[in-house]
Protein backbone atom coordinates (compact mmCIF):
# COMPACT_ATOMS: atom_id res chain seq x y z
CA MET A 1 -43.13 94.38 25.71
CA LYS A 2 -44.30 92.09 22.93
CA PHE A 3 -42.04 89.43 21.40
CA PHE A 4 -41.97 88.92 17.63
CA ILE A 5 -39.74 86.41 15.87
CA ASP A 6 -37.85 87.64 12.82
CA THR A 7 -37.78 84.72 10.41
CA ALA A 8 -39.59 82.92 7.60
CA ASN A 9 -38.73 79.49 9.01
CA LEU A 10 -41.98 77.74 9.96
CA ALA A 11 -40.30 75.32 12.38
CA GLN A 12 -38.69 78.18 14.31
CA ILE A 13 -41.97 80.12 14.38
CA LYS A 14 -43.75 77.06 15.77
CA GLU A 15 -41.02 76.51 18.39
CA ALA A 16 -41.25 80.14 19.54
CA ASN A 17 -45.03 79.94 19.60
CA ASP A 18 -44.90 76.75 21.67
CA LEU A 19 -42.95 78.66 24.33
CA GLY A 20 -46.14 80.60 24.97
CA ILE A 21 -44.54 84.03 24.70
CA LEU A 22 -44.79 84.78 20.96
CA ASP A 23 -46.91 87.78 19.93
CA GLY A 24 -46.15 88.03 16.22
CA VAL A 25 -43.76 87.58 13.30
CA THR A 26 -41.73 89.84 11.06
CA THR A 27 -40.07 88.73 7.87
CA ASN A 28 -38.64 90.19 4.68
CA PRO A 29 -37.51 89.18 1.17
CA SER A 30 -34.03 88.19 2.43
CA LEU A 31 -35.51 85.85 5.05
CA MET A 32 -37.90 84.38 2.47
CA ALA A 33 -35.00 83.72 0.10
CA LYS A 34 -33.07 82.06 2.94
CA GLU A 35 -35.90 79.51 3.21
CA GLY A 36 -35.97 78.99 -0.56
CA ILE A 37 -39.29 80.80 -0.97
CA SER A 38 -39.53 82.63 -4.29
CA GLY A 39 -42.22 83.72 -6.69
CA ALA A 40 -45.19 85.91 -5.82
CA ASP A 41 -47.68 83.07 -5.33
CA ASN A 42 -45.34 81.04 -3.14
CA ILE A 43 -44.55 84.06 -0.98
CA LEU A 44 -48.25 84.80 -0.46
CA LYS A 45 -48.90 81.16 0.47
CA HIS A 46 -45.98 81.23 2.91
CA TYR A 47 -47.38 84.31 4.64
CA GLU A 48 -50.69 82.48 4.96
CA ALA A 49 -48.92 79.46 6.49
CA ILE A 50 -47.24 81.75 9.04
CA CYS A 51 -50.60 83.30 9.98
CA GLU A 52 -51.99 79.82 10.61
CA ILE A 53 -49.30 79.19 13.25
CA VAL A 54 -49.21 82.40 15.25
CA ASP A 55 -52.16 84.38 16.56
CA GLY A 56 -50.70 87.86 16.25
CA ASP A 57 -49.50 90.49 13.80
CA VAL A 58 -47.42 89.24 10.87
CA SER A 59 -45.43 91.86 8.96
CA ALA A 60 -45.37 91.24 5.21
CA GLU A 61 -43.03 93.50 3.24
CA VAL A 62 -43.80 95.23 -0.05
CA LEU A 63 -41.13 95.08 -2.75
CA SER A 64 -42.16 98.26 -4.59
CA THR A 65 -40.83 101.78 -4.13
CA ASP A 66 -43.43 103.97 -5.87
CA PHE A 67 -46.69 105.01 -4.25
CA ALA A 68 -49.19 103.40 -6.62
CA THR A 69 -47.44 100.03 -6.72
CA ILE A 70 -46.82 100.00 -2.95
CA VAL A 71 -50.56 100.49 -2.42
CA GLU A 72 -51.54 97.76 -4.90
CA GLU A 73 -49.03 95.32 -3.44
CA GLY A 74 -50.03 96.21 0.11
CA LYS A 75 -53.71 95.58 -0.61
CA LYS A 76 -52.87 92.09 -1.88
CA LEU A 77 -50.81 91.35 1.22
CA ALA A 78 -53.50 92.66 3.58
CA ALA A 79 -56.07 90.43 1.88
CA ILE A 80 -54.15 87.27 2.86
CA HIS A 81 -55.23 87.30 6.50
CA PRO A 82 -56.57 89.79 9.09
CA ASN A 83 -53.28 89.54 11.03
CA ILE A 84 -51.15 90.83 8.15
CA VAL A 85 -49.39 94.15 8.73
CA VAL A 86 -47.99 95.73 5.56
CA LYS A 87 -44.31 96.53 5.98
CA VAL A 88 -43.34 99.69 4.06
CA PRO A 89 -39.86 101.23 3.66
CA MET A 90 -39.04 104.66 5.08
CA ILE A 91 -38.99 106.56 1.79
CA LYS A 92 -41.09 109.50 0.54
CA ASP A 93 -43.59 107.35 -1.36
CA GLY A 94 -43.55 104.89 1.53
CA VAL A 95 -44.71 107.57 3.97
CA LYS A 96 -47.39 108.62 1.49
CA ALA A 97 -48.54 104.98 1.19
CA ILE A 98 -48.59 104.55 4.98
CA LYS A 99 -51.00 107.49 5.18
CA TRP A 100 -53.20 105.86 2.51
CA PHE A 101 -53.17 102.51 4.29
CA THR A 102 -54.00 104.19 7.61
CA ASP A 103 -56.96 106.02 6.08
CA ASN A 104 -58.21 102.73 4.64
CA GLY A 105 -57.90 100.61 7.78
CA ILE A 106 -54.76 98.67 6.87
CA LYS A 107 -52.10 98.28 9.55
CA THR A 108 -48.52 99.17 8.64
CA ASN A 109 -44.96 98.70 9.84
CA CYS A 110 -42.54 101.40 8.70
CA THR A 111 -39.21 99.65 8.26
CA LEU A 112 -35.57 100.71 7.72
CA VAL A 113 -35.79 103.51 10.27
CA PHE A 114 -32.46 104.91 11.50
CA SER A 115 -33.30 108.30 13.00
CA ALA A 116 -35.79 110.01 15.29
CA GLY A 117 -36.82 112.28 12.41
CA GLN A 118 -37.84 109.30 10.32
CA ALA A 119 -39.75 107.88 13.30
CA ILE A 120 -41.67 111.16 13.64
CA LEU A 121 -42.70 111.06 9.97
CA ALA A 122 -43.86 107.46 10.30
CA ALA A 123 -45.95 108.30 13.35
CA LYS A 124 -47.45 111.40 11.68
CA ALA A 125 -48.51 109.23 8.73
CA GLY A 126 -50.24 106.85 11.17
CA ALA A 127 -47.95 103.82 11.04
CA SER A 128 -49.00 101.04 13.40
CA TYR A 129 -45.35 100.18 14.04
CA VAL A 130 -42.01 101.86 13.44
CA SER A 131 -38.95 99.63 13.13
CA PRO A 132 -35.59 101.17 14.12
CA PHE A 133 -32.73 98.82 13.13
CA ILE A 134 -30.62 98.97 16.27
CA GLY A 135 -28.04 96.33 15.30
CA ARG A 136 -27.20 98.10 12.06
CA ILE A 137 -26.97 101.40 13.94
CA ASP A 138 -24.49 99.79 16.35
CA ASP A 139 -22.52 98.58 13.33
CA SER A 140 -22.12 102.21 12.22
CA SER A 141 -20.59 103.13 15.61
CA TRP A 142 -23.78 104.77 16.96
CA ASP A 143 -26.00 103.53 19.79
CA GLY A 144 -29.14 101.77 18.58
CA VAL A 145 -30.69 101.44 22.03
CA GLU A 146 -30.22 105.18 22.58
CA LEU A 147 -32.32 105.77 19.45
CA ILE A 148 -35.10 103.59 20.88
CA ALA A 149 -35.01 105.70 24.07
CA GLN A 150 -35.14 108.94 22.06
CA ILE A 151 -38.11 107.79 19.97
CA SER A 152 -39.90 106.56 23.09
CA GLN A 153 -39.49 109.95 24.76
CA ILE A 154 -40.73 111.82 21.68
CA TYR A 155 -43.75 109.55 21.21
CA THR A 156 -44.70 109.91 24.87
CA LEU A 157 -44.39 113.70 24.82
CA GLN A 158 -46.27 114.07 21.54
CA GLY A 159 -48.92 111.45 22.22
CA PHE A 160 -48.15 109.35 19.15
CA LYS A 161 -49.83 105.93 19.16
CA THR A 162 -47.32 104.23 16.86
CA GLU A 163 -45.64 101.28 18.57
CA ILE A 164 -41.83 101.11 18.64
CA LEU A 165 -40.71 97.79 17.20
CA ALA A 166 -37.01 97.29 17.92
CA ALA A 167 -35.53 95.42 14.95
CA SER A 168 -32.12 94.12 13.92
CA ILE A 169 -31.64 92.70 17.42
CA ARG A 170 -28.45 90.66 17.69
CA ASN A 171 -28.54 89.13 21.17
CA ALA A 172 -30.45 88.68 24.42
CA LEU A 173 -28.88 91.80 25.97
CA HIS A 174 -30.36 93.90 23.18
CA ILE A 175 -33.80 92.63 24.19
CA VAL A 176 -33.28 93.58 27.84
CA LYS A 177 -31.91 97.02 26.96
CA CYS A 178 -34.84 97.71 24.62
CA ALA A 179 -37.29 96.75 27.36
CA GLU A 180 -35.52 99.16 29.74
CA VAL A 181 -35.89 102.16 27.42
CA GLY A 182 -39.51 101.65 26.40
CA ALA A 183 -39.69 99.56 23.24
CA ASP A 184 -43.22 98.24 22.71
CA VAL A 185 -42.05 95.26 20.68
CA CYS A 186 -38.79 93.50 19.94
CA THR A 187 -38.32 91.30 16.91
CA CYS A 188 -35.37 88.96 16.76
CA PRO A 189 -34.13 85.51 15.76
CA LEU A 190 -35.12 82.54 17.91
CA ASP A 191 -31.56 82.26 19.29
CA SER A 192 -31.84 85.70 20.89
CA ILE A 193 -35.11 84.80 22.57
CA LEU A 194 -33.70 81.51 23.84
CA GLY A 195 -30.65 83.40 25.07
CA LEU A 196 -32.85 85.00 27.73
CA LEU A 197 -33.17 81.56 29.32
CA LYS A 198 -29.47 81.20 29.91
CA HIS A 199 -27.48 82.06 33.03
CA PRO A 200 -24.53 80.07 34.42
CA LEU A 201 -25.87 80.28 37.99
CA THR A 202 -29.12 78.69 36.83
CA ASP A 203 -27.15 75.78 35.34
CA ILE A 204 -25.05 75.44 38.51
CA GLY A 205 -28.07 75.65 40.79
CA LEU A 206 -30.05 73.09 38.79
CA ALA A 207 -27.13 70.67 38.73
CA LYS A 208 -26.83 71.02 42.52
CA PHE A 209 -30.55 70.46 43.08
CA LEU A 210 -30.54 67.36 40.89
CA GLU A 211 -27.45 65.96 42.61
CA ASP A 212 -28.97 66.59 46.06
CA ALA A 213 -32.20 64.93 44.96
CA LYS A 214 -30.26 61.92 43.69
CA ASN A 215 -28.37 61.59 46.97
CA SER A 216 -31.56 61.94 49.00
CA SER A 217 -33.62 59.53 46.93
CA ARG A 218 -32.50 56.54 49.00
CA PHE A 219 -34.36 58.07 51.96
CA LEU A 220 -37.62 58.48 50.07
CA CYS A 221 -40.40 56.34 51.45
CA TYR A 222 -44.11 56.13 51.98
CA ASP A 223 -45.10 56.35 55.64
CA ASN A 224 -48.24 54.28 56.01
CA GLY A 225 -48.19 54.22 59.79
CA PRO A 226 -50.97 55.37 62.11
CA GLY A 227 -52.18 58.89 61.36
CA SER A 228 -50.39 59.14 58.03
CA PHE A 229 -52.04 60.19 54.79
CA GLY A 230 -49.98 57.85 52.66
CA ALA A 231 -48.02 60.76 51.21
CA PRO A 232 -44.39 60.38 50.19
CA GLY A 233 -41.91 62.00 52.48
CA PHE A 234 -38.25 62.26 53.41
CA PHE A 235 -36.93 60.93 56.67
CA SER A 236 -33.54 60.41 58.16
CA GLY A 237 -32.46 57.79 60.58
């Protein structure tokens, strides 16, 4: 499963990339606004800056809702960098635009997906990615991870090549559950990725190892006697 970070914050993207596990980035107008990025030119420049940090797909979202304007906006976004994936909403003209982009060699991410039916339409249109919003589904008292499992089963049975990009992830457990049911990608905030590092037994075990090492350090020596290789070693006596 690939890891994408869902943010427009360059420092967080760099930190995730420095971990060595980052495969791409997703962002949207809300995340851009959160970083104080506004205006068409500034947004395009910010996408370019993101592409310079991470060597992987970067989803850039269109703001239009009619076919012709979605296509024109998508072409401008795709021209920024080869790694740009045009993010298109799951609406009638969006599906039509995804088909156009697919026929013209432009990768797409169909966003705001909340049902298996929508995921089927996105795959039929040739979307590179489909983004079910599992956190928002959970908020509506349904099971977002179950939707990922359903889409995964359908895509496998039907031979669809569209990758399932689990979005609206709220915590580290979401990531694990999505991996279990066949998500190809998860996109989430940096905190959720870092949450995978954490376990109380790891903290307890590390503290014990460090304490034992501290207590044993007084026995550390270099044995330079006959037959030794001069290597450090522990001895008791």
